[in-house]
Amino acid sequence: MASVCEICGKKPWFGKSLSHSHRRTNRRWNPNIQRVRAVVGKTTRRMNVCTGCIKA
């Protein structure tokens, strides 16, 4: 499943995890993407949408 919001375009953020010994490893912060049914025009479409857009 794609981790990009089809409404606002929110994508994963990339960064580093920092352990107690200061060893850095790559990690990513994923947006909370849900697959919902939305009415677009006169048709119903399944879309990948972040929860922020669902609430708005």
N, C-alpha and C. Protein backbone atom coordinates (compact mmCIF):
# COMPACT_ATOMS: atom_id res chain seq x y z
N MET A 1 0.84 -1.18 0.00
CA MET A 1 0.00 0.00 0.00
C MET A 1 0.89 1.24 0.00
N ALA A 2 0.56 2.19 -0.84
CA ALA A 2 1.34 3.42 -0.93
C ALA A 2 1.18 4.23 0.35
N SER A 3 2.28 4.81 0.81
CA SER A 3 2.20 5.61 2.04
C SER A 3 2.23 7.10 1.70
N VAL A 4 1.41 7.50 0.73
CA VAL A 4 1.27 8.90 0.33
C VAL A 4 -0.21 9.24 0.34
N CYS A 5 -0.57 10.36 0.98
CA CYS A 5 -1.96 10.80 1.02
C CYS A 5 -2.34 11.38 -0.34
N GLU A 6 -3.46 10.94 -0.89
CA GLU A 6 -3.90 11.40 -2.20
C GLU A 6 -4.51 12.80 -2.16
N ILE A 7 -4.80 13.31 -0.96
CA ILE A 7 -5.40 14.65 -0.85
C ILE A 7 -4.33 15.70 -0.58
N CYS A 8 -3.56 15.52 0.49
CA CYS A 8 -2.58 16.56 0.86
C CYS A 8 -1.16 16.23 0.42
N GLY A 9 -0.91 15.00 -0.03
CA GLY A 9 0.42 14.63 -0.50
C GLY A 9 1.42 14.32 0.60
N LYS A 10 0.93 14.07 1.81
CA LYS A 10 1.82 13.77 2.94
C LYS A 10 2.56 12.46 2.67
N LYS A 11 3.89 12.46 2.90
CA LYS A 11 4.75 11.30 2.64
C LYS A 11 5.54 10.96 3.90
N PRO A 12 6.27 9.83 3.87
CA PRO A 12 7.12 9.50 5.01
C PRO A 12 8.27 10.50 5.16
N TRP A 13 8.69 10.71 6.41
CA TRP A 13 9.87 11.53 6.72
C TRP A 13 11.00 10.58 7.05
N PHE A 14 12.22 10.93 6.68
CA PHE A 14 13.38 10.09 6.94
C PHE A 14 14.29 10.78 7.94
N GLY A 15 14.94 9.98 8.77
CA GLY A 15 15.85 10.53 9.75
C GLY A 15 16.70 9.42 10.36
N LYS A 16 17.19 9.67 11.55
CA LYS A 16 18.06 8.71 12.23
C LYS A 16 17.47 8.34 13.58
N SER A 17 17.70 7.09 13.98
CA SER A 17 17.42 6.64 15.33
C SER A 17 18.73 6.74 16.10
N LEU A 18 18.69 7.26 17.30
CA LEU A 18 19.91 7.46 18.09
C LEU A 18 19.82 6.59 19.34
N SER A 19 20.70 5.59 19.42
CA SER A 19 20.69 4.70 20.58
C SER A 19 21.45 5.32 21.74
N HIS A 20 21.46 4.63 22.86
CA HIS A 20 22.15 5.12 24.05
C HIS A 20 23.65 5.26 23.80
N SER A 21 24.21 4.38 22.97
CA SER A 21 25.65 4.43 22.65
C SER A 21 25.94 5.40 21.50
N HIS A 22 24.94 6.17 21.10
CA HIS A 22 25.02 7.17 20.03
C HIS A 22 25.28 6.55 18.65
N ARG A 23 24.91 5.30 18.48
CA ARG A 23 24.98 4.68 17.17
C ARG A 23 23.74 5.10 16.40
N ARG A 24 23.93 5.61 15.19
CA ARG A 24 22.81 6.12 14.40
C ARG A 24 22.41 5.11 13.33
N THR A 25 21.12 4.83 13.24
CA THR A 25 20.60 3.97 12.18
C THR A 25 19.45 4.70 11.50
N ASN A 26 19.27 4.41 10.21
CA ASN A 26 18.21 5.06 9.44
C ASN A 26 16.85 4.57 9.89
N ARG A 27 15.88 5.47 9.89
CA ARG A 27 14.50 5.09 10.16
C ARG A 27 13.58 6.05 9.42
N ARG A 28 12.31 5.73 9.39
CA ARG A 28 11.36 6.64 8.75
C ARG A 28 10.09 6.74 9.56
N TRP A 29 9.49 7.92 9.51
CA TRP A 29 8.24 8.21 10.19
C TRP A 29 7.15 8.18 9.13
N ASN A 30 6.25 7.20 9.23
CA ASN A 30 5.19 7.05 8.23
C ASN A 30 3.94 7.82 8.65
N PRO A 31 3.26 8.44 7.69
CA PRO A 31 1.97 9.05 8.01
C PRO A 31 0.93 7.95 8.23
N ASN A 32 -0.11 8.26 8.98
CA ASN A 32 -1.17 7.29 9.25
C ASN A 32 -2.14 7.29 8.07
N ILE A 33 -1.88 6.40 7.11
CA ILE A 33 -2.66 6.33 5.87
C ILE A 33 -3.73 5.25 6.00
N GLN A 34 -4.96 5.60 5.69
CA GLN A 34 -6.08 4.66 5.72
C GLN A 34 -6.72 4.62 4.34
N ARG A 35 -7.25 3.47 3.97
CA ARG A 35 -7.95 3.33 2.69
C ARG A 35 -9.43 3.56 2.95
N VAL A 36 -9.99 4.63 2.37
CA VAL A 36 -11.39 4.98 2.62
C VAL A 36 -12.13 5.13 1.30
N ARG A 37 -13.44 5.03 1.38
CA ARG A 37 -14.29 5.28 0.22
C ARG A 37 -14.73 6.73 0.26
N ALA A 38 -14.55 7.43 -0.84
CA ALA A 38 -14.94 8.84 -0.91
C ALA A 38 -15.74 9.07 -2.18
N VAL A 39 -16.71 9.97 -2.09
CA VAL A 39 -17.52 10.32 -3.25
C VAL A 39 -16.81 11.45 -3.98
N VAL A 40 -16.38 11.18 -5.20
CA VAL A 40 -15.70 12.17 -6.03
C VAL A 40 -16.59 12.39 -7.25
N GLY A 41 -17.17 13.59 -7.32
CA GLY A 41 -18.14 13.84 -8.39
C GLY A 41 -19.38 13.01 -8.14
N LYS A 42 -19.70 12.12 -9.08
CA LYS A 42 -20.86 11.24 -8.91
C LYS A 42 -20.46 9.80 -8.66
N THR A 43 -19.16 9.53 -8.59
CA THR A 43 -18.70 8.15 -8.41
C THR A 43 -18.05 7.98 -7.03
N THR A 44 -18.09 6.75 -6.54
CA THR A 44 -17.43 6.41 -5.29
C THR A 44 -16.06 5.84 -5.62
N ARG A 45 -15.04 6.35 -4.93
CA ARG A 45 -13.66 5.95 -5.21
C ARG A 45 -12.97 5.53 -3.93
N ARG A 46 -12.11 4.52 -4.01
CA ARG A 46 -11.29 4.14 -2.86
C ARG A 46 -10.00 4.94 -2.93
N MET A 47 -9.66 5.61 -1.82
CA MET A 47 -8.50 6.48 -1.81
C MET A 47 -7.63 6.20 -0.59
N ASN A 48 -6.32 6.42 -0.74
CA ASN A 48 -5.39 6.37 0.39
C ASN A 48 -5.31 7.77 0.97
N VAL A 49 -5.83 7.94 2.20
CA VAL A 49 -5.96 9.27 2.80
C VAL A 49 -5.38 9.23 4.21
N CYS A 50 -4.68 10.30 4.61
CA CYS A 50 -4.16 10.37 5.98
C CYS A 50 -5.30 10.72 6.93
N THR A 51 -5.12 10.38 8.20
CA THR A 51 -6.19 10.59 9.17
C THR A 51 -6.47 12.07 9.41
N GLY A 52 -5.49 12.92 9.18
CA GLY A 52 -5.73 14.36 9.30
C GLY A 52 -6.72 14.85 8.27
N CYS A 53 -6.65 14.31 7.06
CA CYS A 53 -7.59 14.69 6.00
C CYS A 53 -8.97 14.07 6.24
N ILE A 54 -9.02 12.89 6.86
CA ILE A 54 -10.32 12.28 7.17
C ILE A 54 -11.06 13.13 8.19
N LYS A 55 -10.33 13.66 9.19
CA LYS A 55 -10.95 14.48 10.23
C LYS A 55 -11.39 15.83 9.71
N ALA A 56 -10.67 16.37 8.71
CA ALA A 56 -10.96 17.73 8.21
C ALA A 56 -12.22 17.76 7.37
